[in-house]
Amino acid sequence: MNSANTSRRCAECGHAAPKCQACGHTARADVNGAVNIRGAGLALRQAAQAA
């Protein structure tokens, strides 16, 4: 999984920015990126199990 730019997307609503102006969520870039990577990994696992 490519982790590039994962910290730039809000982990809560998906808008671009760790300090989201859309939903107000704030997180450190490394934490925000880790949450996004976890979500992407879980989605890949679920897709693989469904296949």
N, C-alpha and C. Protein backbone atom coordinates (compact mmCIF):
# COMPACT_ATOMS: atom_id res chain seq x y z
N MET A 1 0.83 -1.17 0.00
CA MET A 1 0.00 0.00 0.00
C MET A 1 0.88 1.24 0.00
N ASN A 2 0.59 2.16 -0.87
CA ASN A 2 1.35 3.39 -0.97
C ASN A 2 0.81 4.39 0.06
N SER A 3 1.68 4.86 0.93
CA SER A 3 1.24 5.77 1.99
C SER A 3 1.39 7.24 1.63
N ALA A 4 1.78 7.52 0.40
CA ALA A 4 1.97 8.91 -0.02
C ALA A 4 0.67 9.71 0.09
N ASN A 5 0.76 10.87 0.67
CA ASN A 5 -0.34 11.83 0.79
C ASN A 5 -1.49 11.38 1.68
N THR A 6 -1.32 10.34 2.47
CA THR A 6 -2.41 9.89 3.33
C THR A 6 -2.70 10.87 4.46
N SER A 7 -1.73 11.69 4.82
CA SER A 7 -1.97 12.65 5.90
C SER A 7 -2.70 13.90 5.41
N ARG A 8 -2.89 14.02 4.11
CA ARG A 8 -3.54 15.21 3.56
C ARG A 8 -5.05 15.09 3.47
N ARG A 9 -5.59 13.92 3.74
CA ARG A 9 -7.04 13.71 3.66
C ARG A 9 -7.59 13.58 5.07
N CYS A 10 -8.68 14.29 5.36
CA CYS A 10 -9.29 14.23 6.68
C CYS A 10 -9.75 12.80 6.97
N ALA A 11 -9.35 12.27 8.11
CA ALA A 11 -9.71 10.90 8.48
C ALA A 11 -11.19 10.79 8.87
N GLU A 12 -11.83 11.89 9.17
CA GLU A 12 -13.24 11.85 9.58
C GLU A 12 -14.20 11.95 8.39
N CYS A 13 -13.95 12.91 7.50
CA CYS A 13 -14.94 13.14 6.43
C CYS A 13 -14.38 12.96 5.02
N GLY A 14 -13.06 12.84 4.88
CA GLY A 14 -12.46 12.60 3.57
C GLY A 14 -12.06 13.84 2.79
N HIS A 15 -12.38 15.02 3.29
CA HIS A 15 -11.95 16.23 2.60
C HIS A 15 -10.44 16.39 2.72
N ALA A 16 -9.87 17.21 1.88
CA ALA A 16 -8.42 17.40 1.87
C ALA A 16 -7.97 18.33 2.98
N ALA A 17 -7.21 17.81 3.92
CA ALA A 17 -6.52 18.57 4.98
C ALA A 17 -6.67 17.88 6.32
N PRO A 18 -5.56 17.77 7.06
CA PRO A 18 -5.64 17.22 8.40
C PRO A 18 -6.37 18.15 9.37
N LYS A 19 -6.32 19.46 9.12
CA LYS A 19 -7.13 20.42 9.88
C LYS A 19 -8.29 20.79 8.98
N CYS A 20 -9.31 19.97 9.03
CA CYS A 20 -10.40 20.04 8.06
C CYS A 20 -11.29 21.25 8.30
N GLN A 21 -11.52 22.00 7.23
CA GLN A 21 -12.43 23.14 7.32
C GLN A 21 -13.86 22.71 7.06
N ALA A 22 -14.06 21.52 6.55
CA ALA A 22 -15.41 21.03 6.27
C ALA A 22 -16.10 20.52 7.53
N CYS A 23 -15.37 19.72 8.35
CA CYS A 23 -16.02 19.14 9.53
C CYS A 23 -15.40 19.61 10.85
N GLY A 24 -14.25 20.32 10.77
CA GLY A 24 -13.62 20.84 11.98
C GLY A 24 -12.68 19.87 12.67
N HIS A 25 -12.53 18.66 12.14
CA HIS A 25 -11.65 17.66 12.74
C HIS A 25 -10.20 18.11 12.64
N THR A 26 -9.45 17.96 13.72
CA THR A 26 -8.02 18.25 13.69
C THR A 26 -7.26 17.04 14.23
N ALA A 27 -6.12 16.77 13.63
CA ALA A 27 -5.26 15.68 14.07
C ALA A 27 -3.85 15.95 13.59
N ARG A 28 -2.88 15.43 14.32
CA ARG A 28 -1.50 15.52 13.84
C ARG A 28 -1.41 14.77 12.53
N ALA A 29 -0.55 15.23 11.65
CA ALA A 29 -0.44 14.64 10.31
C ALA A 29 -0.11 13.16 10.37
N ASP A 30 0.78 12.73 11.28
CA ASP A 30 1.15 11.32 11.34
C ASP A 30 -0.01 10.46 11.84
N VAL A 31 -0.77 10.96 12.78
CA VAL A 31 -1.93 10.22 13.29
C VAL A 31 -3.01 10.16 12.21
N ASN A 32 -3.27 11.28 11.57
CA ASN A 32 -4.27 11.33 10.51
C ASN A 32 -3.92 10.37 9.38
N GLY A 33 -2.64 10.35 8.98
CA GLY A 33 -2.20 9.43 7.94
C GLY A 33 -2.34 7.98 8.35
N ALA A 34 -2.01 7.68 9.60
CA ALA A 34 -2.12 6.30 10.10
C ALA A 34 -3.57 5.83 10.09
N VAL A 35 -4.48 6.69 10.48
CA VAL A 35 -5.91 6.33 10.47
C VAL A 35 -6.38 6.08 9.04
N ASN A 36 -5.92 6.92 8.10
CA ASN A 36 -6.30 6.73 6.70
C ASN A 36 -5.72 5.44 6.13
N ILE A 37 -4.48 5.12 6.48
CA ILE A 37 -3.86 3.87 6.01
C ILE A 37 -4.60 2.67 6.57
N ARG A 38 -4.96 2.73 7.84
CA ARG A 38 -5.72 1.65 8.47
C ARG A 38 -7.05 1.43 7.74
N GLY A 39 -7.75 2.51 7.46
CA GLY A 39 -9.02 2.41 6.75
C GLY A 39 -8.87 1.81 5.37
N ALA A 40 -7.83 2.21 4.66
CA ALA A 40 -7.59 1.67 3.32
C ALA A 40 -7.23 0.19 3.39
N GLY A 41 -6.44 -0.19 4.38
CA GLY A 41 -6.07 -1.59 4.55
C GLY A 41 -7.27 -2.46 4.87
N LEU A 42 -8.14 -1.96 5.73
CA LEU A 42 -9.35 -2.71 6.07
C LEU A 42 -10.27 -2.85 4.86
N ALA A 43 -10.34 -1.82 4.05
CA ALA A 43 -11.17 -1.89 2.83
C ALA A 43 -10.60 -2.92 1.85
N LEU A 44 -9.27 -2.96 1.72
CA LEU A 44 -8.65 -3.96 0.85
C LEU A 44 -8.90 -5.38 1.36
N ARG A 45 -8.80 -5.56 2.67
CA ARG A 45 -9.05 -6.88 3.26
C ARG A 45 -10.49 -7.31 3.03
N GLN A 46 -11.42 -6.39 3.23
CA GLN A 46 -12.83 -6.71 3.03
C GLN A 46 -13.11 -7.07 1.57
N ALA A 47 -12.51 -6.35 0.64
CA ALA A 47 -12.69 -6.64 -0.78
C ALA A 47 -12.11 -8.01 -1.13
N ALA A 48 -10.98 -8.35 -0.54
CA ALA A 48 -10.37 -9.65 -0.81
C ALA A 48 -11.22 -10.79 -0.25
N GLN A 49 -11.82 -10.57 0.89
CA GLN A 49 -12.67 -11.61 1.50
C GLN A 49 -13.96 -11.79 0.72
N ALA A 50 -14.46 -10.72 0.11
CA ALA A 50 -15.69 -10.79 -0.66
C ALA A 50 -15.48 -11.50 -2.00
N ALA A 51 -14.25 -11.51 -2.48
CA ALA A 51 -13.97 -12.11 -3.79
C ALA A 51 -13.89 -13.61 -3.74
